[in-house]
Amino acid sequence: MAETLIVSQTADREALYLEIVPQIAAIIDGERDTTANLANIAAAIKQAFGYFWVGFYIVRDGELVLGPFQGPIACTRIARGRGVCGTAFSTGEVQIVPDVDKFPGHIACASESRSEVVVPIFSPTGEVWGVLDVDSDVLGDMDEKDAAGLQAIVRILEKKLSEETA
C-alpha cells in the first residue's frame, strides 16, 4: 500500500486528478476493508484539492447513511430523492451544482458549502451502492472536469467492490 500522496503544486485540476487516480488505486490495492478504503479516498481527495468537505454516503435500508468523510460534521441520513446526494441516489446520475442555493431541496448540512459534485457509486449488480459527495466553499467551483475526475476515482472503488464480492 502506498502511504504518501504526491501532488504537484498546480492549479490545473485535470492534471491533479490524473496524478491522484493511480495513487488512490495504489492506496486501496490489497486492502479488503471498505471503510478503510473510503476513509483513505476521502482523505486523498481532501489533501489534493483542499475541498471544504469530501465524503461518502452509503445506501442502508433505502436511504443514504453517512460514511467516512473529511470536513465538518455532516448530515447523518439522507432520503432517496432529497437534496443533491438523494437526487444522485435516486437517478443514478452525477449531480454538478455550481450554486447549492439554487438547487431545489438542497440540504444545508453546512452553510459554508457553496458548490457541489455528487457521483453515484454502483454495486456489482448495477444498483446504487452509495455516493461520493464533494463540496466547495467557493461559488461555481465545481464543474464537469471535477465530475470526470471524481468519476475516475469512483470507477476504482467500484472495481474494488466487485473484487470483494467475487
Protein backbone atom coordinates (compact mmCIF):
# COMPACT_ATOMS: atom_id res chain seq x y z
CA MET A 1 0.00 0.00 0.00
CA ALA A 2 1.20 3.49 -0.84
CA GLU A 3 1.14 5.71 2.24
CA THR A 4 2.12 9.03 0.74
CA LEU A 5 0.13 11.14 -1.68
CA ILE A 6 2.28 13.13 -4.09
CA VAL A 7 0.58 16.11 -5.72
CA SER A 8 2.02 18.83 -7.91
CA GLN A 9 1.72 22.44 -6.94
CA THR A 10 -0.51 23.27 -9.89
CA ALA A 11 -3.88 24.93 -10.21
CA ASP A 12 -4.80 22.61 -13.08
CA ARG A 13 -7.39 20.28 -11.58
CA GLU A 14 -7.44 17.95 -14.58
CA ALA A 15 -3.72 17.34 -14.10
CA LEU A 16 -4.20 16.79 -10.36
CA TYR A 17 -6.94 14.21 -10.96
CA LEU A 18 -4.68 12.41 -13.43
CA GLU A 19 -1.95 12.37 -10.76
CA ILE A 20 -4.05 11.12 -7.87
CA VAL A 21 -6.19 8.48 -9.62
CA PRO A 22 -3.36 5.92 -9.90
CA GLN A 23 -2.17 6.83 -6.41
CA ILE A 24 -5.63 6.16 -4.98
CA ALA A 25 -5.65 2.83 -6.81
CA ALA A 26 -2.32 2.01 -5.12
CA ILE A 27 -3.56 3.16 -1.71
CA ILE A 28 -6.53 0.78 -1.73
CA ASP A 29 -4.77 -2.08 -3.51
CA GLY A 30 -4.54 -5.04 -1.21
CA GLU A 31 -6.82 -3.57 1.48
CA ARG A 32 -10.06 -5.52 1.87
CA ASP A 33 -11.77 -3.25 4.39
CA THR A 34 -14.22 -0.94 2.63
CA THR A 35 -14.36 1.57 5.48
CA ALA A 36 -10.58 1.93 5.46
CA ASN A 37 -10.60 2.40 1.69
CA LEU A 38 -13.38 5.00 1.79
CA ALA A 39 -11.55 6.90 4.55
CA ASN A 40 -8.29 6.99 2.61
CA ILE A 41 -10.01 8.02 -0.63
CA ALA A 42 -11.78 10.91 1.14
CA ALA A 43 -8.50 11.97 2.77
CA ALA A 44 -6.62 11.82 -0.55
CA ILE A 45 -9.18 13.99 -2.35
CA LYS A 46 -9.27 16.49 0.52
CA GLN A 47 -5.47 16.62 0.69
CA ALA A 48 -5.01 17.04 -3.07
CA PHE A 49 -7.66 19.69 -3.63
CA GLY A 50 -8.45 21.24 -0.26
CA TYR A 51 -12.18 20.98 -0.82
CA PHE A 52 -14.44 22.05 2.04
CA TRP A 53 -16.00 18.60 2.53
CA VAL A 54 -15.31 15.21 0.95
CA GLY A 55 -17.08 12.04 1.92
CA PHE A 56 -19.27 9.08 1.26
CA TYR A 57 -22.86 8.20 1.92
CA ILE A 58 -23.70 4.50 1.75
CA VAL A 59 -27.13 3.02 0.98
CA ARG A 60 -28.61 1.35 4.06
CA ASP A 61 -32.28 0.30 4.25
CA GLY A 62 -33.30 2.51 1.34
CA GLU A 63 -31.60 5.72 2.44
CA LEU A 64 -28.11 7.22 2.42
CA VAL A 65 -26.18 6.96 5.67
CA LEU A 66 -23.04 8.94 6.39
CA GLY A 67 -19.80 7.06 5.83
CA PRO A 68 -16.14 8.09 6.08
CA PHE A 69 -15.52 11.77 5.37
CA GLN A 70 -13.15 14.70 5.78
CA GLY A 71 -14.56 18.04 6.90
CA PRO A 72 -17.04 19.45 9.38
CA ILE A 73 -19.86 17.44 10.95
CA ALA A 74 -22.37 16.35 8.31
CA CYS A 75 -25.94 15.19 7.88
CA THR A 76 -26.22 11.60 9.05
CA ARG A 77 -29.10 10.34 6.89
CA ILE A 78 -30.46 11.50 3.55
CA ALA A 79 -33.66 10.19 1.98
CA ARG A 80 -33.78 9.00 -1.63
CA GLY A 81 -34.52 11.96 -3.88
CA ARG A 82 -33.82 14.58 -1.20
CA GLY A 83 -31.10 17.15 -1.81
CA VAL A 84 -28.14 16.72 -4.14
CA CYS A 85 -27.00 13.38 -2.69
CA GLY A 86 -30.52 11.94 -2.60
CA THR A 87 -31.05 13.02 -6.21
CA ALA A 88 -27.84 11.25 -7.32
CA PHE A 89 -29.04 8.20 -5.38
CA SER A 90 -32.48 8.17 -6.98
CA THR A 91 -31.41 8.99 -10.56
CA GLY A 92 -28.05 7.21 -10.64
CA GLU A 93 -26.65 10.31 -12.35
CA VAL A 94 -23.80 12.65 -11.46
CA GLN A 95 -25.02 15.92 -9.99
CA ILE A 96 -22.97 19.06 -10.67
CA VAL A 97 -24.23 22.05 -8.69
CA PRO A 98 -22.39 25.36 -9.21
CA ASP A 99 -24.64 27.13 -6.68
CA VAL A 100 -26.20 24.94 -4.00
CA ASP A 101 -28.67 27.67 -3.04
CA LYS A 102 -30.27 27.30 -6.47
CA PHE A 103 -30.68 23.52 -6.22
CA PRO A 104 -34.32 22.69 -5.37
CA GLY A 105 -34.47 20.98 -1.99
CA HIS A 106 -30.78 21.41 -1.20
CA ILE A 107 -29.95 20.17 2.30
CA ALA A 108 -27.70 22.64 4.06
CA CYS A 109 -25.62 20.35 6.24
CA ALA A 110 -23.08 23.19 6.41
CA SER A 111 -23.93 26.74 5.44
CA GLU A 112 -20.38 27.26 4.13
CA SER A 113 -20.97 24.86 1.24
CA ARG A 114 -21.43 26.84 -1.99
CA SER A 115 -20.96 24.33 -4.85
CA GLU A 116 -21.02 20.56 -5.04
CA VAL A 117 -20.49 17.44 -7.13
CA VAL A 118 -22.08 14.11 -6.21
CA VAL A 119 -21.10 10.92 -8.03
CA PRO A 120 -23.15 7.73 -7.61
CA ILE A 121 -21.26 4.54 -6.81
CA PHE A 122 -22.67 1.34 -8.31
CA SER A 123 -22.60 -2.12 -6.82
CA PRO A 124 -21.54 -5.10 -8.96
CA THR A 125 -25.27 -5.76 -9.54
CA GLY A 126 -25.77 -2.28 -11.02
CA GLU A 127 -27.66 -0.73 -8.12
CA VAL A 128 -26.56 2.50 -6.47
CA TRP A 129 -24.37 1.39 -3.54
CA GLY A 130 -23.61 4.91 -2.30
CA VAL A 131 -22.40 8.32 -3.39
CA LEU A 132 -19.19 10.32 -3.29
CA ASP A 133 -20.05 13.86 -2.19
CA VAL A 134 -17.59 16.72 -2.67
CA ASP A 135 -18.41 20.25 -1.53
CA SER A 136 -16.55 23.50 -2.08
CA ASP A 137 -16.94 26.68 -0.08
CA VAL A 138 -16.44 28.64 -3.33
CA LEU A 139 -19.39 29.51 -5.53
CA GLY A 140 -19.13 27.99 -9.04
CA ASP A 141 -16.06 25.98 -8.07
CA MET A 142 -17.28 22.57 -9.24
CA ASP A 143 -17.72 21.63 -12.90
CA GLU A 144 -17.57 18.84 -15.48
CA LYS A 145 -13.80 18.46 -15.03
CA ASP A 146 -14.31 17.70 -11.36
CA ALA A 147 -17.13 15.31 -12.19
CA ALA A 148 -14.91 13.43 -14.67
CA GLY A 149 -12.01 13.22 -12.21
CA LEU A 150 -14.26 12.06 -9.38
CA GLN A 151 -15.92 9.50 -11.65
CA ALA A 152 -12.47 8.06 -12.42
CA ILE A 153 -11.89 7.67 -8.68
CA VAL A 154 -15.31 6.07 -8.20
CA ARG A 155 -14.57 3.56 -11.00
CA ILE A 156 -11.54 2.38 -8.99
CA LEU A 157 -13.74 1.95 -5.93
CA GLU A 158 -16.42 0.11 -7.94
CA LYS A 159 -13.78 -2.28 -9.27
CA LYS A 160 -12.65 -2.90 -5.69
CA LEU A 161 -16.24 -3.56 -4.59
CA SER A 162 -16.70 -6.07 -7.42
CA GLU A 163 -13.50 -7.88 -6.41
CA GLU A 164 -14.76 -8.14 -2.83
CA THR A 165 -17.98 -9.85 -3.93
CA ALA A 166 -16.28 -12.19 -6.41
